[in-house]
Amino acid sequence: MAAEGNPLGVFLKTYLAAGERPRALAFLDAGPGSAMEYSNVGAALAAFAVERVSGESFAAVSARRVFAPLRMSNTSWTTPAARASLVVATPHAYRDGALLALPQPSHAVYPSVDLRSSAHDLARFARAVLRDGELDGARILSAASVRAMVQGDGDQALAWQLRTMGGARVAGHEGEDQGATTALFLDLAAGTGAVVLANGDAFGSGNEARAAAMSP
């Protein structure tokens, strides 16, 4: 569920353990720091570590340490029902040649999904990353932390995907849920980036043109 729902600790205990023993399939068969692999649950585990250290919810820490300093006023982990001021689009699915309005999504692994934001707000976050963690006098990350996040082998860095687009090596992330398709990619060398938010599914729509529009 979203930030105001299922606590991260409860979700992770049921996912990572079977009774009192670790679930082997939930863990990467590699030594710490020796390999990187995409993991939604890994994002939830990192968020839980933040909660244990800070004593606050990950949603609260995100708002205080990232959203507020960058003036991302229309960004939140909570659902519209929990925050009346949040302006959101209605998700739509393209089915049988028509658009079908869907309810707002909510997932157990909310730190890897369910962030509501605007293109303007995400562009401010992108600019901060391109400027080594600082924007308009507000620093959210050290330059060393930014470099550590976007470096990796193959197509995976620390939560960021690594891709080649138009001959340029870029770092970012793309995703899709029922009724929504998103992408944020940054050309770190050129200092440019792109944010795409669509309140319709592309890859799951069965429409080749929609999928091609969101493909690298």
N, C-alpha and C. Protein backbone atom coordinates (compact mmCIF):
# COMPACT_ATOMS: atom_id res chain seq x y z
N MET A 1 0.83 -1.19 0.00
CA MET A 1 0.00 0.00 0.00
C MET A 1 0.87 1.24 0.00
N ALA A 2 0.26 2.38 -0.16
CA ALA A 2 1.00 3.63 -0.22
C ALA A 2 1.55 4.01 1.15
N ALA A 3 2.19 5.21 1.21
CA ALA A 3 2.92 5.61 2.41
C ALA A 3 2.07 5.60 3.66
N GLU A 4 0.77 5.93 3.55
CA GLU A 4 -0.07 5.99 4.74
C GLU A 4 -0.68 4.63 5.08
N GLY A 5 -0.31 3.57 4.34
CA GLY A 5 -0.89 2.26 4.55
C GLY A 5 0.06 1.30 5.24
N ASN A 6 0.34 0.18 4.63
CA ASN A 6 1.13 -0.90 5.19
C ASN A 6 2.54 -0.42 5.57
N PRO A 7 2.94 -0.52 6.86
CA PRO A 7 4.30 -0.09 7.25
C PRO A 7 5.35 -0.92 6.52
N LEU A 8 6.48 -0.28 6.19
CA LEU A 8 7.54 -0.96 5.45
C LEU A 8 8.06 -2.18 6.21
N GLY A 9 8.23 -2.07 7.51
CA GLY A 9 8.77 -3.18 8.27
C GLY A 9 7.89 -4.40 8.21
N VAL A 10 6.58 -4.22 8.24
CA VAL A 10 5.64 -5.34 8.17
C VAL A 10 5.72 -6.01 6.80
N PHE A 11 5.71 -5.19 5.75
CA PHE A 11 5.78 -5.75 4.40
C PHE A 11 7.09 -6.53 4.19
N LEU A 12 8.21 -5.93 4.58
CA LEU A 12 9.51 -6.55 4.33
C LEU A 12 9.68 -7.85 5.10
N LYS A 13 9.16 -7.91 6.32
CA LYS A 13 9.29 -9.14 7.10
C LYS A 13 8.57 -10.30 6.42
N THR A 14 7.40 -10.02 5.87
CA THR A 14 6.65 -11.08 5.21
C THR A 14 7.25 -11.46 3.86
N TYR A 15 7.94 -10.51 3.22
CA TYR A 15 8.51 -10.78 1.90
C TYR A 15 9.87 -11.47 2.01
N LEU A 16 10.71 -11.02 2.93
CA LEU A 16 12.10 -11.49 2.99
C LEU A 16 12.27 -12.76 3.81
N ALA A 17 11.27 -13.10 4.61
CA ALA A 17 11.42 -14.28 5.48
C ALA A 17 10.23 -15.21 5.34
N ALA A 18 10.51 -16.49 5.49
CA ALA A 18 9.47 -17.52 5.54
C ALA A 18 9.51 -18.09 6.95
N GLY A 19 8.61 -17.62 7.79
CA GLY A 19 8.69 -17.98 9.20
C GLY A 19 9.87 -17.25 9.83
N GLU A 20 10.80 -18.01 10.39
CA GLU A 20 12.00 -17.43 11.01
C GLU A 20 13.23 -17.56 10.12
N ARG A 21 13.07 -18.03 8.90
CA ARG A 21 14.21 -18.25 8.02
C ARG A 21 14.12 -17.33 6.80
N PRO A 22 15.26 -16.85 6.28
CA PRO A 22 15.24 -16.01 5.09
C PRO A 22 14.72 -16.78 3.88
N ARG A 23 13.99 -16.10 3.03
CA ARG A 23 13.56 -16.69 1.76
C ARG A 23 14.70 -16.56 0.76
N ALA A 24 15.28 -17.66 0.36
CA ALA A 24 16.47 -17.62 -0.51
C ALA A 24 16.21 -16.86 -1.80
N LEU A 25 15.02 -17.02 -2.38
CA LEU A 25 14.71 -16.38 -3.65
C LEU A 25 14.60 -14.87 -3.54
N ALA A 26 14.52 -14.36 -2.31
CA ALA A 26 14.39 -12.91 -2.12
C ALA A 26 15.75 -12.21 -2.10
N PHE A 27 16.84 -12.96 -2.16
CA PHE A 27 18.17 -12.38 -2.04
C PHE A 27 19.02 -12.69 -3.27
N LEU A 28 19.88 -11.73 -3.63
CA LEU A 28 20.80 -11.90 -4.76
C LEU A 28 21.95 -12.81 -4.34
N ASP A 29 22.28 -13.76 -5.18
CA ASP A 29 23.36 -14.70 -4.89
C ASP A 29 24.70 -14.06 -5.27
N ALA A 30 25.08 -13.04 -4.52
CA ALA A 30 26.35 -12.33 -4.75
C ALA A 30 26.75 -11.64 -3.46
N GLY A 31 28.04 -11.41 -3.31
CA GLY A 31 28.53 -10.74 -2.12
C GLY A 31 28.13 -9.28 -2.08
N PRO A 32 28.04 -8.67 -0.91
CA PRO A 32 27.67 -7.26 -0.80
C PRO A 32 28.60 -6.36 -1.62
N GLY A 33 28.01 -5.48 -2.43
CA GLY A 33 28.79 -4.56 -3.23
C GLY A 33 29.44 -5.14 -4.46
N SER A 34 29.17 -6.42 -4.77
CA SER A 34 29.85 -7.06 -5.89
C SER A 34 29.01 -7.10 -7.16
N ALA A 35 27.71 -6.84 -7.06
CA ALA A 35 26.83 -6.90 -8.23
C ALA A 35 25.63 -6.00 -8.01
N MET A 36 25.04 -5.55 -9.13
CA MET A 36 23.83 -4.73 -9.07
C MET A 36 22.74 -5.37 -9.92
N GLU A 37 21.53 -5.39 -9.38
CA GLU A 37 20.40 -5.95 -10.11
C GLU A 37 19.15 -5.17 -9.73
N TYR A 38 18.26 -4.98 -10.71
CA TYR A 38 17.04 -4.22 -10.45
C TYR A 38 16.19 -4.91 -9.40
N SER A 39 15.65 -4.14 -8.44
CA SER A 39 14.84 -4.73 -7.38
C SER A 39 13.89 -3.68 -6.80
N ASN A 40 12.58 -3.88 -6.99
CA ASN A 40 11.61 -3.01 -6.32
C ASN A 40 11.70 -3.15 -4.81
N VAL A 41 11.87 -4.37 -4.33
CA VAL A 41 11.94 -4.60 -2.90
C VAL A 41 13.23 -4.02 -2.32
N GLY A 42 14.29 -3.95 -3.14
CA GLY A 42 15.52 -3.31 -2.68
C GLY A 42 15.28 -1.85 -2.33
N ALA A 43 14.44 -1.17 -3.11
CA ALA A 43 14.10 0.22 -2.81
C ALA A 43 13.34 0.31 -1.49
N ALA A 44 12.43 -0.63 -1.25
CA ALA A 44 11.69 -0.65 0.01
C ALA A 44 12.62 -0.90 1.19
N LEU A 45 13.60 -1.78 1.01
CA LEU A 45 14.56 -2.08 2.07
C LEU A 45 15.42 -0.87 2.38
N ALA A 46 15.86 -0.14 1.35
CA ALA A 46 16.65 1.07 1.56
C ALA A 46 15.83 2.13 2.30
N ALA A 47 14.54 2.25 1.92
CA ALA A 47 13.67 3.21 2.59
C ALA A 47 13.47 2.83 4.06
N PHE A 48 13.37 1.53 4.34
CA PHE A 48 13.21 1.08 5.72
C PHE A 48 14.45 1.40 6.54
N ALA A 49 15.64 1.29 5.92
CA ALA A 49 16.87 1.66 6.61
C ALA A 49 16.85 3.14 6.98
N VAL A 50 16.33 3.98 6.08
CA VAL A 50 16.20 5.40 6.37
C VAL A 50 15.27 5.61 7.57
N GLU A 51 14.18 4.86 7.62
CA GLU A 51 13.24 4.99 8.74
C GLU A 51 13.88 4.58 10.06
N ARG A 52 14.65 3.51 10.05
CA ARG A 52 15.28 3.04 11.29
C ARG A 52 16.30 4.05 11.80
N VAL A 53 17.05 4.68 10.89
CA VAL A 53 18.08 5.64 11.30
C VAL A 53 17.45 6.96 11.75
N SER A 54 16.44 7.43 11.01
CA SER A 54 15.87 8.75 11.27
C SER A 54 14.78 8.75 12.34
N GLY A 55 14.11 7.61 12.52
CA GLY A 55 12.99 7.57 13.43
C GLY A 55 11.73 8.18 12.86
N GLU A 56 11.73 8.47 11.55
CA GLU A 56 10.58 9.03 10.86
C GLU A 56 10.17 8.11 9.71
N SER A 57 8.98 8.33 9.18
CA SER A 57 8.58 7.58 7.99
C SER A 57 9.42 8.05 6.80
N PHE A 58 9.59 7.15 5.83
CA PHE A 58 10.35 7.53 4.64
C PHE A 58 9.66 8.66 3.89
N ALA A 59 8.32 8.66 3.89
CA ALA A 59 7.58 9.74 3.25
C ALA A 59 7.91 11.08 3.89
N ALA A 60 8.00 11.12 5.23
CA ALA A 60 8.31 12.37 5.92
C ALA A 60 9.73 12.82 5.63
N VAL A 61 10.68 11.89 5.63
CA VAL A 61 12.08 12.23 5.34
C VAL A 61 12.22 12.75 3.91
N SER A 62 11.54 12.11 2.96
CA SER A 62 11.59 12.56 1.57
C SER A 62 11.09 13.99 1.45
N ALA A 63 9.97 14.28 2.12
CA ALA A 63 9.40 15.62 2.05
C ALA A 63 10.35 16.66 2.65
N ARG A 64 10.96 16.32 3.78
CA ARG A 64 11.82 17.28 4.48
C ARG A 64 13.18 17.46 3.82
N ARG A 65 13.75 16.37 3.30
CA ARG A 65 15.11 16.42 2.78
C ARG A 65 15.21 16.67 1.27
N VAL A 66 14.12 16.39 0.54
CA VAL A 66 14.18 16.51 -0.93
C VAL A 66 13.09 17.44 -1.46
N PHE A 67 11.84 17.10 -1.21
CA PHE A 67 10.74 17.84 -1.84
C PHE A 67 10.69 19.30 -1.40
N ALA A 68 10.76 19.55 -0.10
CA ALA A 68 10.68 20.93 0.40
C ALA A 68 11.86 21.78 -0.05
N PRO A 69 13.13 21.32 0.11
CA PRO A 69 14.26 22.16 -0.33
C PRO A 69 14.22 22.48 -1.83
N LEU A 70 13.73 21.56 -2.64
CA LEU A 70 13.68 21.79 -4.08
C LEU A 70 12.38 22.46 -4.52
N ARG A 71 11.55 22.81 -3.56
CA ARG A 71 10.26 23.46 -3.83
C ARG A 71 9.41 22.61 -4.79
N MET A 72 9.37 21.33 -4.51
CA MET A 72 8.54 20.39 -5.27
C MET A 72 7.18 20.32 -4.57
N SER A 73 6.37 21.34 -4.75
CA SER A 73 5.15 21.51 -3.96
C SER A 73 4.02 20.57 -4.38
N ASN A 74 4.12 19.96 -5.53
CA ASN A 74 3.07 19.04 -5.98
C ASN A 74 3.60 17.61 -6.08
N THR A 75 4.39 17.23 -5.07
CA THR A 75 5.00 15.90 -5.04
C THR A 75 4.76 15.27 -3.68
N SER A 76 4.28 14.03 -3.67
CA SER A 76 3.98 13.37 -2.40
C SER A 76 3.85 11.87 -2.61
N TRP A 77 4.16 11.11 -1.56
CA TRP A 77 3.92 9.66 -1.57
C TRP A 77 2.49 9.34 -1.21
N THR A 78 1.76 10.28 -0.66
CA THR A 78 0.40 10.00 -0.21
C THR A 78 -0.59 10.06 -1.37
N THR A 79 -1.75 9.47 -1.17
CA THR A 79 -2.79 9.49 -2.19
C THR A 79 -3.54 10.82 -2.13
N PRO A 80 -4.25 11.18 -3.20
CA PRO A 80 -5.01 12.43 -3.20
C PRO A 80 -6.00 12.52 -2.05
N ALA A 81 -6.57 11.39 -1.62
CA ALA A 81 -7.53 11.41 -0.52
C ALA A 81 -6.87 11.82 0.79
N ALA A 82 -5.57 11.54 0.92
CA ALA A 82 -4.86 11.87 2.16
C ALA A 82 -4.28 13.27 2.13
N ARG A 83 -4.19 13.88 0.96
CA ARG A 83 -3.67 15.24 0.86
C ARG A 83 -4.49 16.00 -0.18
N ALA A 84 -5.41 16.82 0.33
CA ALA A 84 -6.37 17.49 -0.54
C ALA A 84 -5.72 18.44 -1.54
N SER A 85 -4.55 19.01 -1.19
CA SER A 85 -3.91 19.99 -2.07
C SER A 85 -3.16 19.36 -3.23
N LEU A 86 -3.01 18.04 -3.22
CA LEU A 86 -2.25 17.37 -4.27
C LEU A 86 -3.06 17.31 -5.56
N VAL A 87 -2.49 17.86 -6.63
CA VAL A 87 -3.16 17.86 -7.93
C VAL A 87 -2.67 16.66 -8.72
N VAL A 88 -3.57 15.78 -9.13
CA VAL A 88 -3.17 14.56 -9.83
C VAL A 88 -4.03 14.36 -11.07
N ALA A 89 -3.47 13.63 -12.02
CA ALA A 89 -4.20 13.24 -13.22
C ALA A 89 -4.89 11.91 -12.97
N THR A 90 -5.93 11.64 -13.70
CA THR A 90 -6.65 10.36 -13.60
C THR A 90 -6.01 9.34 -14.53
N PRO A 91 -5.59 8.18 -14.02
CA PRO A 91 -5.03 7.15 -14.90
C PRO A 91 -6.07 6.65 -15.89
N HIS A 92 -5.61 6.33 -17.10
CA HIS A 92 -6.50 5.78 -18.12
C HIS A 92 -5.82 4.59 -18.80
N ALA A 93 -6.60 3.56 -19.06
CA ALA A 93 -6.13 2.41 -19.82
C ALA A 93 -6.76 2.46 -21.21
N TYR A 94 -5.97 2.09 -22.20
CA TYR A 94 -6.45 2.05 -23.60
C TYR A 94 -6.87 0.63 -23.90
N ARG A 95 -8.16 0.40 -23.97
CA ARG A 95 -8.68 -0.94 -24.15
C ARG A 95 -9.76 -0.94 -25.23
N ASP A 96 -9.59 -1.83 -26.21
CA ASP A 96 -10.60 -2.00 -27.28
C ASP A 96 -10.91 -0.68 -27.98
N GLY A 97 -9.86 0.10 -28.22
CA GLY A 97 -10.01 1.33 -28.98
C GLY A 97 -10.57 2.51 -28.21
N ALA A 98 -10.67 2.40 -26.89
CA ALA A 98 -11.22 3.49 -26.09
C ALA A 98 -10.44 3.63 -24.79
N LEU A 99 -10.53 4.82 -24.18
CA LEU A 99 -9.85 5.07 -22.91
C LEU A 99 -10.80 4.81 -21.75
N LEU A 100 -10.30 4.08 -20.75
CA LEU A 100 -11.08 3.72 -19.58
C LEU A 100 -10.43 4.34 -18.35
N ALA A 101 -11.17 5.21 -17.63
CA ALA A 101 -10.65 5.83 -16.41
C ALA A 101 -10.47 4.79 -15.32
N LEU A 102 -9.34 4.89 -14.58
CA LEU A 102 -9.01 3.93 -13.53
C LEU A 102 -8.84 4.64 -12.19
N PRO A 103 -8.97 3.93 -11.08
CA PRO A 103 -8.71 4.54 -9.77
C PRO A 103 -7.22 4.78 -9.56
N GLN A 104 -6.90 5.63 -8.58
CA GLN A 104 -5.51 5.89 -8.25
C GLN A 104 -4.85 4.60 -7.72
N PRO A 105 -3.62 4.29 -8.16
CA PRO A 105 -2.97 3.05 -7.75
C PRO A 105 -2.42 3.12 -6.32
N SER A 106 -2.23 1.97 -5.73
CA SER A 106 -1.60 1.87 -4.41
C SER A 106 -0.94 0.50 -4.33
N HIS A 107 0.33 0.47 -3.89
CA HIS A 107 1.10 -0.78 -3.88
C HIS A 107 1.79 -0.98 -2.54
N ALA A 108 2.15 -2.22 -2.25
CA ALA A 108 2.85 -2.52 -1.01
C ALA A 108 4.26 -1.92 -1.00
N VAL A 109 4.91 -1.86 -2.15
CA VAL A 109 6.30 -1.38 -2.23
C VAL A 109 6.32 0.09 -2.63
N TYR A 110 5.66 0.95 -1.84
CA TYR A 110 5.50 2.32 -2.26
C TYR A 110 6.79 3.09 -2.51
N PRO A 111 7.93 2.79 -1.90
CA PRO A 111 9.10 3.60 -2.26
C PRO A 111 9.59 3.42 -3.70
N SER A 112 9.15 2.36 -4.37
CA SER A 112 9.55 2.19 -5.77
C SER A 112 8.43 2.54 -6.73
N VAL A 113 7.25 2.81 -6.23
CA VAL A 113 6.09 3.24 -7.03
C VAL A 113 5.25 4.22 -6.22
N ASP A 114 4.19 4.73 -6.84
CA ASP A 114 3.17 5.52 -6.16
C ASP A 114 3.60 6.93 -5.77
N LEU A 115 4.71 7.43 -6.28
CA LEU A 115 5.05 8.84 -6.07
C LEU A 115 4.21 9.68 -7.02
N ARG A 116 3.44 10.61 -6.47
CA ARG A 116 2.67 11.54 -7.29
C ARG A 116 3.49 12.81 -7.45
N SER A 117 3.67 13.25 -8.69
CA SER A 117 4.47 14.45 -8.93
C SER A 117 4.04 15.08 -10.24
N SER A 118 4.57 16.25 -10.52
CA SER A 118 4.32 16.95 -11.79
C SER A 118 5.59 16.97 -12.61
N ALA A 119 5.46 17.23 -13.90
CA ALA A 119 6.64 17.34 -14.77
C ALA A 119 7.54 18.47 -14.28
N HIS A 120 6.94 19.56 -13.82
CA HIS A 120 7.73 20.69 -13.30
C HIS A 120 8.56 20.27 -12.09
N ASP A 121 7.92 19.57 -11.14
CA ASP A 121 8.65 19.15 -9.95
C ASP A 121 9.76 18.16 -10.27
N LEU A 122 9.46 17.16 -11.12
CA LEU A 122 10.49 16.18 -11.46
C LEU A 122 11.63 16.82 -12.23
N ALA A 123 11.33 17.85 -13.02
CA ALA A 123 12.39 18.56 -13.73
C ALA A 123 13.31 19.27 -12.75
N ARG A 124 12.77 19.78 -11.65
CA ARG A 124 13.61 20.41 -10.64
C ARG A 124 14.52 19.36 -9.98
N PHE A 125 13.99 18.18 -9.71
CA PHE A 125 14.83 17.11 -9.17
C PHE A 125 15.92 16.74 -10.18
N ALA A 126 15.55 16.63 -11.46
CA ALA A 126 16.52 16.28 -12.49
C ALA A 126 17.63 17.33 -12.57
N ARG A 127 17.26 18.60 -12.49
CA ARG A 127 18.26 19.67 -12.54
C ARG A 127 19.20 19.58 -11.35
N ALA A 128 18.69 19.23 -10.18
CA ALA A 128 19.55 19.09 -9.00
C ALA A 128 20.57 17.97 -9.21
N VAL A 129 20.14 16.85 -9.77
CA VAL A 129 21.07 15.75 -10.03
C VAL A 129 22.11 16.17 -11.06
N LEU A 130 21.68 16.86 -12.12
CA LEU A 130 22.62 17.33 -13.14
C LEU A 130 23.63 18.33 -12.58
N ARG A 131 23.25 19.02 -11.51
CA ARG A 131 24.14 20.00 -10.87
C ARG A 131 24.82 19.39 -9.64
N ASP A 132 25.04 18.08 -9.67
CA ASP A 132 25.75 17.37 -8.60
C ASP A 132 25.07 17.51 -7.24
N GLY A 133 23.72 17.54 -7.23
CA GLY A 133 23.00 17.49 -5.97
C GLY A 133 22.53 18.82 -5.43
N GLU A 134 22.66 19.92 -6.21
CA GLU A 134 22.29 21.26 -5.71
C GLU A 134 21.46 22.00 -6.74
N LEU A 135 20.48 22.77 -6.26
CA LEU A 135 19.68 23.62 -7.15
C LEU A 135 19.19 24.84 -6.38
N ASP A 136 19.43 26.01 -6.95
CA ASP A 136 18.98 27.28 -6.36
C ASP A 136 19.39 27.42 -4.90
N GLY A 137 20.61 26.99 -4.60
CA GLY A 137 21.14 27.13 -3.25
C GLY A 137 20.75 26.03 -2.29
N ALA A 138 19.91 25.09 -2.71
CA ALA A 138 19.49 23.97 -1.86
C ALA A 138 20.25 22.72 -2.27
N ARG A 139 20.97 22.13 -1.33
CA ARG A 139 21.71 20.90 -1.63
C ARG A 139 20.99 19.72 -1.00
N ILE A 140 20.63 18.74 -1.83
CA ILE A 140 19.95 17.54 -1.34
C ILE A 140 20.87 16.34 -1.27
N LEU A 141 21.98 16.38 -2.02
CA LEU A 141 22.95 15.29 -2.04
C LEU A 141 24.34 15.86 -2.24
N SER A 142 25.34 15.15 -1.75
CA SER A 142 26.71 15.54 -2.05
C SER A 142 27.05 15.13 -3.48
N ALA A 143 28.02 15.80 -4.08
CA ALA A 143 28.45 15.44 -5.43
C ALA A 143 28.93 13.99 -5.48
N ALA A 144 29.59 13.54 -4.41
CA ALA A 144 30.08 12.16 -4.37
C ALA A 144 28.91 11.17 -4.37
N SER A 145 27.82 11.50 -3.67
CA SER A 145 26.66 10.62 -3.64
C SER A 145 26.01 10.52 -5.01
N VAL A 146 25.92 11.64 -5.73
CA VAL A 146 25.35 11.63 -7.07
C VAL A 146 26.18 10.74 -7.98
N ARG A 147 27.49 10.89 -7.92
CA ARG A 147 28.36 10.06 -8.77
C ARG A 147 28.21 8.58 -8.43
N ALA A 148 28.08 8.27 -7.15
CA ALA A 148 27.94 6.87 -6.74
C ALA A 148 26.62 6.29 -7.24
N MET A 149 25.56 7.09 -7.27
CA MET A 149 24.26 6.60 -7.69
C MET A 149 24.21 6.22 -9.16
N VAL A 150 24.89 6.99 -10.01
CA VAL A 150 24.71 6.83 -11.46
C VAL A 150 25.83 6.02 -12.11
N GLN A 151 26.72 5.46 -11.32
CA GLN A 151 27.78 4.63 -11.88
C GLN A 151 27.43 3.17 -11.67
N GLY A 152 27.63 2.37 -12.71
CA GLY A 152 27.35 0.95 -12.59
C GLY A 152 27.82 0.21 -13.82
N ASP A 153 27.74 -1.10 -13.74
CA ASP A 153 28.14 -1.96 -14.86
C ASP A 153 26.91 -2.33 -15.68
N GLY A 154 27.08 -2.42 -16.99
CA GLY A 154 25.97 -2.85 -17.83
C GLY A 154 24.87 -1.82 -17.86
N ASP A 155 23.64 -2.26 -17.58
CA ASP A 155 22.49 -1.38 -17.70
C ASP A 155 21.88 -1.01 -16.35
N GLN A 156 22.60 -1.25 -15.25
CA GLN A 156 22.04 -0.97 -13.94
C GLN A 156 23.04 -0.24 -13.05
N ALA A 157 22.61 0.88 -12.47
CA ALA A 157 23.37 1.57 -11.44
C ALA A 157 22.58 1.45 -10.14
N LEU A 158 22.87 2.29 -9.15
CA LEU A 158 22.20 2.22 -7.86
C LEU A 158 20.80 2.81 -7.99
N ALA A 159 19.83 1.97 -8.31
CA ALA A 159 18.43 2.32 -8.56
C ALA A 159 18.20 2.97 -9.91
N TRP A 160 19.21 3.53 -10.52
CA TRP A 160 19.07 4.17 -11.83
C TRP A 160 19.36 3.16 -12.94
N GLN A 161 18.60 3.25 -14.02
CA GLN A 161 18.87 2.45 -15.21
C GLN A 161 19.86 3.20 -16.10
N LEU A 162 20.74 2.47 -16.75
CA LEU A 162 21.71 3.05 -17.68
C LEU A 162 21.34 2.62 -19.10
N ARG A 163 21.21 3.58 -20.00
CA ARG A 163 20.77 3.31 -21.35
C ARG A 163 21.61 4.11 -22.34
N THR A 164 21.56 3.71 -23.62
CA THR A 164 22.13 4.50 -24.71
C THR A 164 20.98 4.99 -25.57
N MET A 165 20.81 6.30 -25.65
CA MET A 165 19.74 6.91 -26.43
C MET A 165 20.33 7.95 -27.38
N GLY A 166 20.09 7.78 -28.67
CA GLY A 166 20.62 8.73 -29.63
C GLY A 166 22.13 8.82 -29.60
N GLY A 167 22.78 7.74 -29.26
CA GLY A 167 24.24 7.73 -29.20
C GLY A 167 24.81 8.24 -27.88
N ALA A 168 23.96 8.72 -26.98
CA ALA A 168 24.42 9.26 -25.69
C ALA A 168 24.14 8.26 -24.58
N ARG A 169 25.04 8.18 -23.63
CA ARG A 169 24.85 7.33 -22.46
C ARG A 169 24.05 8.13 -21.43
N VAL A 170 22.92 7.58 -20.99
CA VAL A 170 22.04 8.32 -20.09
C VAL A 170 21.72 7.46 -18.86
N ALA A 171 21.34 8.15 -17.79
CA ALA A 171 20.92 7.49 -16.56
C ALA A 171 19.51 7.95 -16.23
N GLY A 172 18.68 7.05 -15.75
CA GLY A 172 17.31 7.44 -15.42
C GLY A 172 16.47 6.25 -15.03
N HIS A 173 15.19 6.36 -15.34
CA HIS A 173 14.28 5.28 -15.00
C HIS A 173 13.01 5.44 -15.82
N GLU A 174 12.44 4.31 -16.18
CA GLU A 174 11.15 4.31 -16.86
C GLU A 174 10.24 3.32 -16.15
N GLY A 175 8.95 3.51 -16.29
CA GLY A 175 8.04 2.59 -15.62
C GLY A 175 6.63 2.72 -16.16
N GLU A 176 5.84 1.71 -15.86
CA GLU A 176 4.45 1.72 -16.31
C GLU A 176 3.60 0.97 -15.30
N ASP A 177 2.42 1.50 -15.07
CA ASP A 177 1.39 0.82 -14.30
C ASP A 177 0.11 0.91 -15.11
N GLN A 178 -0.93 0.28 -14.65
CA GLN A 178 -2.19 0.41 -15.37
C GLN A 178 -2.63 1.87 -15.35
N GLY A 179 -2.68 2.46 -16.54
CA GLY A 179 -3.14 3.84 -16.65
C GLY A 179 -2.08 4.90 -16.53
N ALA A 180 -0.81 4.53 -16.48
CA ALA A 180 0.25 5.54 -16.36
C ALA A 180 1.55 5.02 -16.96
N THR A 181 2.29 5.89 -17.63
CA THR A 181 3.60 5.58 -18.18
C THR A 181 4.52 6.76 -17.89
N THR A 182 5.73 6.47 -17.40
CA THR A 182 6.63 7.55 -16.98
C THR A 182 8.06 7.27 -17.42
N ALA A 183 8.84 8.34 -17.52
CA ALA A 183 10.27 8.21 -17.82
C ALA A 183 10.99 9.48 -17.41
N LEU A 184 12.19 9.32 -16.87
CA LEU A 184 13.10 10.42 -16.58
C LEU A 184 14.50 9.93 -16.91
N PHE A 185 15.16 10.58 -17.86
CA PHE A 185 16.52 10.20 -18.24
C PHE A 185 17.39 11.44 -18.36
N LEU A 186 18.65 11.31 -17.92
CA LEU A 186 19.58 12.42 -17.88
C LEU A 186 20.85 12.07 -18.65
N ASP A 187 21.26 12.99 -19.52
CA ASP A 187 22.56 12.91 -20.18
C ASP A 187 23.53 13.69 -19.29
N LEU A 188 24.23 12.99 -18.43
CA LEU A 188 25.08 13.64 -17.43
C LEU A 188 26.23 14.40 -18.07
N ALA A 189 26.75 13.89 -19.18
CA ALA A 189 27.86 14.55 -19.84
C ALA A 189 27.43 15.87 -20.46
N ALA A 190 26.27 15.90 -21.07
CA ALA A 190 25.79 17.10 -21.74
C ALA A 190 25.04 18.04 -20.80
N GLY A 191 24.64 17.53 -19.63
CA GLY A 191 23.89 18.34 -18.69
C GLY A 191 22.46 18.58 -19.10
N THR A 192 21.88 17.64 -19.82
CA THR A 192 20.50 17.77 -20.27
C THR A 192 19.68 16.56 -19.82
N GLY A 193 18.37 16.67 -19.90
CA GLY A 193 17.53 15.56 -19.51
C GLY A 193 16.13 15.70 -20.05
N ALA A 194 15.31 14.70 -19.80
CA ALA A 194 13.92 14.71 -20.27
C ALA A 194 13.04 14.03 -19.24
N VAL A 195 11.85 14.60 -19.03
CA VAL A 195 10.83 14.03 -18.16
C VAL A 195 9.58 13.80 -18.99
N VAL A 196 9.04 12.59 -18.93
CA VAL A 196 7.81 12.27 -19.66
C VAL A 196 6.83 11.64 -18.68
N LEU A 197 5.64 12.24 -18.55
CA LEU A 197 4.58 11.69 -17.72
C LEU A 197 3.32 11.57 -18.57
N ALA A 198 2.74 10.39 -18.61
CA ALA A 198 1.51 10.17 -19.39
C ALA A 198 0.49 9.44 -18.53
N ASN A 199 -0.75 9.93 -18.52
CA ASN A 199 -1.78 9.25 -17.74
C ASN A 199 -2.53 8.24 -18.60
N GLY A 200 -1.73 7.41 -19.27
CA GLY A 200 -2.23 6.29 -20.05
C GLY A 200 -1.12 5.27 -20.18
N ASP A 201 -1.45 3.98 -20.22
CA ASP A 201 -0.41 2.97 -20.36
C ASP A 201 0.00 2.86 -21.83
N ALA A 202 1.28 2.63 -22.04
CA ALA A 202 1.82 2.54 -23.40
C ALA A 202 2.14 1.08 -23.75
N PHE A 203 3.04 0.47 -23.01
CA PHE A 203 3.49 -0.87 -23.35
C PHE A 203 2.41 -1.93 -23.14
N GLY A 204 1.53 -1.72 -22.16
CA GLY A 204 0.46 -2.68 -21.90
C GLY A 204 -0.80 -2.40 -22.68
N SER A 205 -0.77 -1.37 -23.53
CA SER A 205 -1.98 -0.97 -24.23
C SER A 205 -2.31 -1.86 -25.43
N GLY A 206 -1.30 -2.57 -25.94
CA GLY A 206 -1.50 -3.34 -27.16
C GLY A 206 -1.44 -2.50 -28.41
N ASN A 207 -1.10 -1.20 -28.26
CA ASN A 207 -1.02 -0.28 -29.38
C ASN A 207 0.45 -0.02 -29.69
N GLU A 208 0.92 -0.43 -30.87
CA GLU A 208 2.34 -0.32 -31.20
C GLU A 208 2.82 1.11 -31.23
N ALA A 209 1.99 2.04 -31.70
CA ALA A 209 2.40 3.43 -31.78
C ALA A 209 2.62 4.01 -30.40
N ARG A 210 1.75 3.68 -29.44
CA ARG A 210 1.90 4.16 -28.08
C ARG A 210 3.18 3.61 -27.45
N ALA A 211 3.45 2.35 -27.67
CA ALA A 211 4.67 1.76 -27.12
C ALA A 211 5.91 2.34 -27.77
N ALA A 212 5.88 2.58 -29.07
CA ALA A 212 7.04 3.13 -29.76
C ALA A 212 7.35 4.55 -29.29
N ALA A 213 6.31 5.30 -28.95
CA ALA A 213 6.51 6.69 -28.50
C ALA A 213 7.27 6.76 -27.19
N MET A 214 7.20 5.70 -26.37
CA MET A 214 7.89 5.68 -25.07
C MET A 214 9.15 4.85 -25.09
N SER A 215 9.54 4.32 -26.23
CA SER A 215 10.73 3.47 -26.31
C SER A 215 11.97 4.30 -26.62
N PRO A 216 13.14 3.87 -26.11
CA PRO A 216 14.39 4.60 -26.40
C PRO A 216 14.69 4.63 -27.89
